Amino acid sequence: MNIILLGAPGSGKGTEASLISKDLSIPTISTGDIIRDNIKNKTELGILSQNYINLGQLVPDDLVINLVKERLTQTDVLNGYILDGFPRTVTQAQALQSFSKIDKIILIDTNYDVIEERILSRRTCPVCKRVYNTKTYKSDFCEVCKAKLIIRDDDNKETVKNRYDVYLKETAPLIDFYKNQGLLYKVNGNLQADEVYKEIKQILQK
């Protein structure tokens, strides 16, 4: 099954993707992780991407499309995959249709005040990419690989607002795009992660 998770930054896509991945034994493809790896390795794409991210803007479509297209040629996606963070624009969605078939799109619908609180409380493992929240996880170290957790550079109040505004402008139109195709399902992203996943499981079982 090929799945897209839609939702604003901080809506919980990464958390829900990891739960789906475990249940269905399919990989999560996060364009955010791919881009951050390129930034860390100082590739040409990484350097270009960093400039956009620092401004709270999206990385240009053509760069992201090529990354995803290449990733979907790998053998671990033969039984399906989860896309987290792609597509973010209608242009990306149209490009995706040219090289892959999507079965279900799940929108994690979350209020802005909930998103802001989550992101400002977010801590990330720089090694395994696991994400924690300081309100529910009190250690400074990853429970999996024991690395010290970090605050991502873009996890600040100003960038959160900028990213949300960009989402409304660039990504929200995808809702109508996929709704018109009869592929869109919506869950309540304001709930706790396990409650959100209960709604997602019902959708996946249909």
Protein backbone atom coordinates (compact mmCIF):
# COMPACT_ATOMS: atom_id res chain seq x y z
CA MET A 1 0.00 0.00 0.00
CA ASN A 2 1.33 3.42 -0.99
CA ILE A 3 0.28 6.12 1.48
CA ILE A 4 0.67 9.90 1.70
CA LEU A 5 0.41 11.70 5.03
CA LEU A 6 -0.72 15.33 4.71
CA GLY A 7 -0.71 17.97 7.42
CA ALA A 8 0.99 21.14 8.57
CA PRO A 9 4.52 21.01 10.04
CA GLY A 10 4.10 19.76 13.60
CA SER A 11 0.80 17.97 12.96
CA GLY A 12 2.33 14.63 13.90
CA LYS A 13 3.02 13.13 10.48
CA GLY A 14 6.39 11.70 11.51
CA THR A 15 5.01 10.02 14.62
CA GLU A 16 2.07 8.47 12.81
CA ALA A 17 4.28 7.40 9.90
CA SER A 18 6.51 5.42 12.26
CA LEU A 19 3.46 3.59 13.65
CA ILE A 20 2.14 2.75 10.19
CA SER A 21 5.61 1.65 9.09
CA LYS A 22 5.88 -0.76 12.00
CA ASP A 23 2.41 -2.23 11.44
CA LEU A 24 2.64 -2.65 7.66
CA SER A 25 6.41 -3.28 7.41
CA ILE A 26 6.85 -0.59 4.79
CA PRO A 27 9.40 2.25 4.85
CA THR A 28 8.69 5.88 5.63
CA ILE A 29 10.15 8.27 3.09
CA SER A 30 10.63 11.65 4.71
CA THR A 31 11.80 14.40 2.39
CA GLY A 32 12.74 16.38 5.49
CA ASP A 33 15.20 13.68 6.57
CA ILE A 34 16.60 13.37 3.05
CA ILE A 35 17.14 17.11 2.83
CA ARG A 36 18.67 17.33 6.34
CA ASP A 37 21.10 14.53 5.43
CA ASN A 38 22.14 16.51 2.36
CA ILE A 39 22.63 19.61 4.52
CA LYS A 40 24.73 17.65 7.00
CA ASN A 41 26.88 16.23 4.20
CA LYS A 42 27.14 19.69 2.59
CA THR A 43 26.03 18.48 -0.82
CA GLU A 44 25.07 21.01 -3.48
CA LEU A 45 21.38 20.26 -2.81
CA GLY A 46 21.96 20.59 0.92
CA ILE A 47 23.53 24.02 0.63
CA LEU A 48 20.72 25.25 -1.62
CA SER A 49 18.08 23.76 0.67
CA GLN A 50 19.54 25.37 3.80
CA ASN A 51 19.00 28.85 2.38
CA TYR A 52 15.28 28.20 1.87
CA ILE A 53 14.79 26.46 5.21
CA ASN A 54 16.44 29.32 7.10
CA LEU A 55 13.75 31.59 5.69
CA GLY A 56 10.97 29.17 6.57
CA GLN A 57 10.32 28.51 2.89
CA LEU A 58 9.85 25.28 0.96
CA VAL A 59 12.67 23.74 -1.03
CA PRO A 60 11.89 24.21 -4.78
CA ASP A 61 9.72 21.56 -6.42
CA ASP A 62 12.22 20.31 -8.99
CA LEU A 63 14.86 19.53 -6.36
CA VAL A 64 12.45 17.62 -4.13
CA ILE A 65 10.77 15.74 -7.00
CA ASN A 66 14.10 14.37 -8.20
CA LEU A 67 15.01 13.23 -4.69
CA VAL A 68 11.74 11.35 -4.24
CA LYS A 69 11.76 9.84 -7.73
CA GLU A 70 15.23 8.44 -7.14
CA ARG A 71 14.25 7.11 -3.69
CA LEU A 72 11.26 5.21 -5.12
CA THR A 73 13.56 3.18 -7.37
CA GLN A 74 15.00 1.36 -4.35
CA THR A 75 13.94 -2.22 -3.63
CA ASP A 76 12.57 -1.65 -0.11
CA VAL A 77 9.46 0.09 -1.51
CA LEU A 78 8.24 -2.87 -3.56
CA ASN A 79 5.52 -3.70 -1.00
CA GLY A 80 4.57 -0.08 -0.40
CA TYR A 81 5.74 3.08 1.31
CA ILE A 82 4.65 6.10 3.33
CA LEU A 83 5.41 9.61 2.08
CA ASP A 84 5.91 12.14 4.87
CA GLY A 85 6.43 15.71 3.67
CA PHE A 86 5.83 14.99 -0.02
CA PRO A 87 4.02 16.16 -2.04
CA ARG A 88 3.80 19.67 -0.63
CA THR A 89 2.44 21.39 -3.73
CA VAL A 90 0.02 20.49 -6.50
CA THR A 91 2.97 20.56 -8.91
CA GLN A 92 4.72 17.89 -6.84
CA ALA A 93 1.51 15.84 -6.65
CA GLN A 94 1.09 15.93 -10.42
CA ALA A 95 4.72 14.89 -10.89
CA LEU A 96 4.27 12.02 -8.43
CA GLN A 97 1.37 10.66 -10.47
CA SER A 98 3.73 10.27 -13.42
CA PHE A 99 6.00 7.78 -11.62
CA SER A 100 3.98 6.17 -8.81
CA LYS A 101 0.41 5.17 -7.87
CA ILE A 102 -0.98 6.30 -4.49
CA ASP A 103 -3.64 4.23 -2.68
CA LYS A 104 -4.66 6.50 0.21
CA ILE A 105 -3.99 10.06 1.37
CA ILE A 106 -4.51 10.76 5.07
CA LEU A 107 -4.86 14.36 6.26
CA ILE A 108 -3.87 14.93 9.89
CA ASP A 109 -6.00 18.00 10.61
CA THR A 110 -4.45 19.96 13.51
CA ASN A 111 -5.09 23.41 15.03
CA TYR A 112 -2.29 25.99 14.87
CA ASP A 113 -2.02 26.47 18.65
CA VAL A 114 -1.50 22.73 19.07
CA ILE A 115 1.14 22.72 16.33
CA GLU A 116 3.06 25.64 17.85
CA GLU A 117 3.16 24.04 21.29
CA ARG A 118 4.34 20.72 19.87
CA ILE A 119 7.14 22.18 17.76
CA LEU A 120 8.51 24.44 20.50
CA SER A 121 8.58 21.42 22.81
CA ARG A 122 10.15 19.12 20.20
CA ARG A 123 13.56 17.48 20.57
CA THR A 124 15.16 15.32 17.90
CA CYS A 125 17.78 12.58 17.97
CA PRO A 126 20.55 13.58 15.53
CA VAL A 127 21.47 9.92 14.95
CA CYS A 128 18.28 7.87 14.50
CA LYS A 129 15.95 10.89 13.86
CA ARG A 130 13.51 9.82 16.59
CA VAL A 131 11.39 12.75 17.80
CA TYR A 132 10.43 13.47 21.42
CA ASN A 133 8.35 16.08 23.25
CA THR A 134 9.60 17.64 26.47
CA LYS A 135 6.10 17.55 27.94
CA THR A 136 5.97 13.76 27.79
CA TYR A 137 9.66 12.77 27.68
CA LYS A 138 11.95 14.14 30.38
CA SER A 139 15.37 12.74 29.42
CA ASP A 140 17.93 14.68 27.36
CA PHE A 141 19.02 11.50 25.60
CA CYS A 142 17.44 9.24 22.98
CA GLU A 143 15.99 6.08 24.50
CA VAL A 144 17.02 4.08 21.42
CA CYS A 145 20.60 5.08 20.58
CA LYS A 146 21.41 7.19 23.68
CA ALA A 147 22.55 10.22 21.66
CA LYS A 148 21.95 13.67 23.16
CA LEU A 149 18.75 15.22 21.84
CA ILE A 150 18.90 18.50 19.95
CA ILE A 151 16.62 21.41 19.09
CA ARG A 152 16.46 21.76 15.33
CA ASP A 153 17.46 25.20 14.04
CA ASP A 154 14.02 25.70 12.47
CA ASP A 155 12.11 24.82 15.67
CA ASN A 156 11.54 28.40 16.81
CA LYS A 157 8.41 30.56 17.06
CA GLU A 158 9.06 32.79 14.05
CA THR A 159 9.91 29.92 11.72
CA VAL A 160 6.93 27.91 12.94
CA LYS A 161 4.61 30.75 11.92
CA ASN A 162 6.37 31.20 8.58
CA ARG A 163 6.19 27.49 7.81
CA TYR A 164 2.51 27.36 8.71
CA ASP A 165 1.74 30.31 6.44
CA VAL A 166 3.64 28.62 3.61
CA TYR A 167 1.68 25.43 4.27
CA LEU A 168 -1.64 27.27 3.95
CA LYS A 169 -0.56 28.85 0.70
CA GLU A 170 1.31 26.01 -1.00
CA THR A 171 0.15 22.73 0.55
CA ALA A 172 -3.47 23.22 1.61
CA PRO A 173 -4.62 23.19 -2.08
CA LEU A 174 -3.58 19.52 -2.13
CA ILE A 175 -6.59 18.78 0.06
CA ASP A 176 -9.00 19.66 -2.74
CA PHE A 177 -6.71 18.05 -5.34
CA TYR A 178 -6.90 14.65 -3.65
CA LYS A 179 -10.48 15.02 -2.39
CA ASN A 180 -11.61 15.35 -6.01
CA GLN A 181 -9.91 12.03 -6.74
CA GLY A 182 -11.71 10.28 -3.89
CA LEU A 183 -8.45 9.36 -2.16
CA LEU A 184 -8.50 11.74 0.82
CA TYR A 185 -9.29 10.73 4.41
CA LYS A 186 -9.16 13.05 7.44
CA VAL A 187 -8.24 12.35 11.07
CA ASN A 188 -8.25 14.62 14.14
CA GLY A 189 -4.62 15.64 14.70
CA ASN A 190 -5.42 17.47 17.95
CA LEU A 191 -5.68 14.13 19.75
CA GLN A 192 -2.85 12.23 21.41
CA ALA A 193 -0.72 10.21 18.98
CA ASP A 194 -2.22 6.83 19.93
CA GLU A 195 -5.75 8.16 19.48
CA VAL A 196 -4.86 9.58 16.08
CA TYR A 197 -3.45 6.22 15.09
CA LYS A 198 -6.68 4.46 16.00
CA GLU A 199 -8.45 6.61 13.42
CA ILE A 200 -5.70 5.94 10.88
CA LYS A 201 -5.90 2.16 11.38
CA GLN A 202 -9.63 2.23 10.65
CA ILE A 203 -8.90 3.99 7.37
CA LEU A 204 -6.15 1.56 6.40
CA GLN A 205 -8.42 -1.41 7.08
CA LYS A 206 -11.16 -0.16 4.74
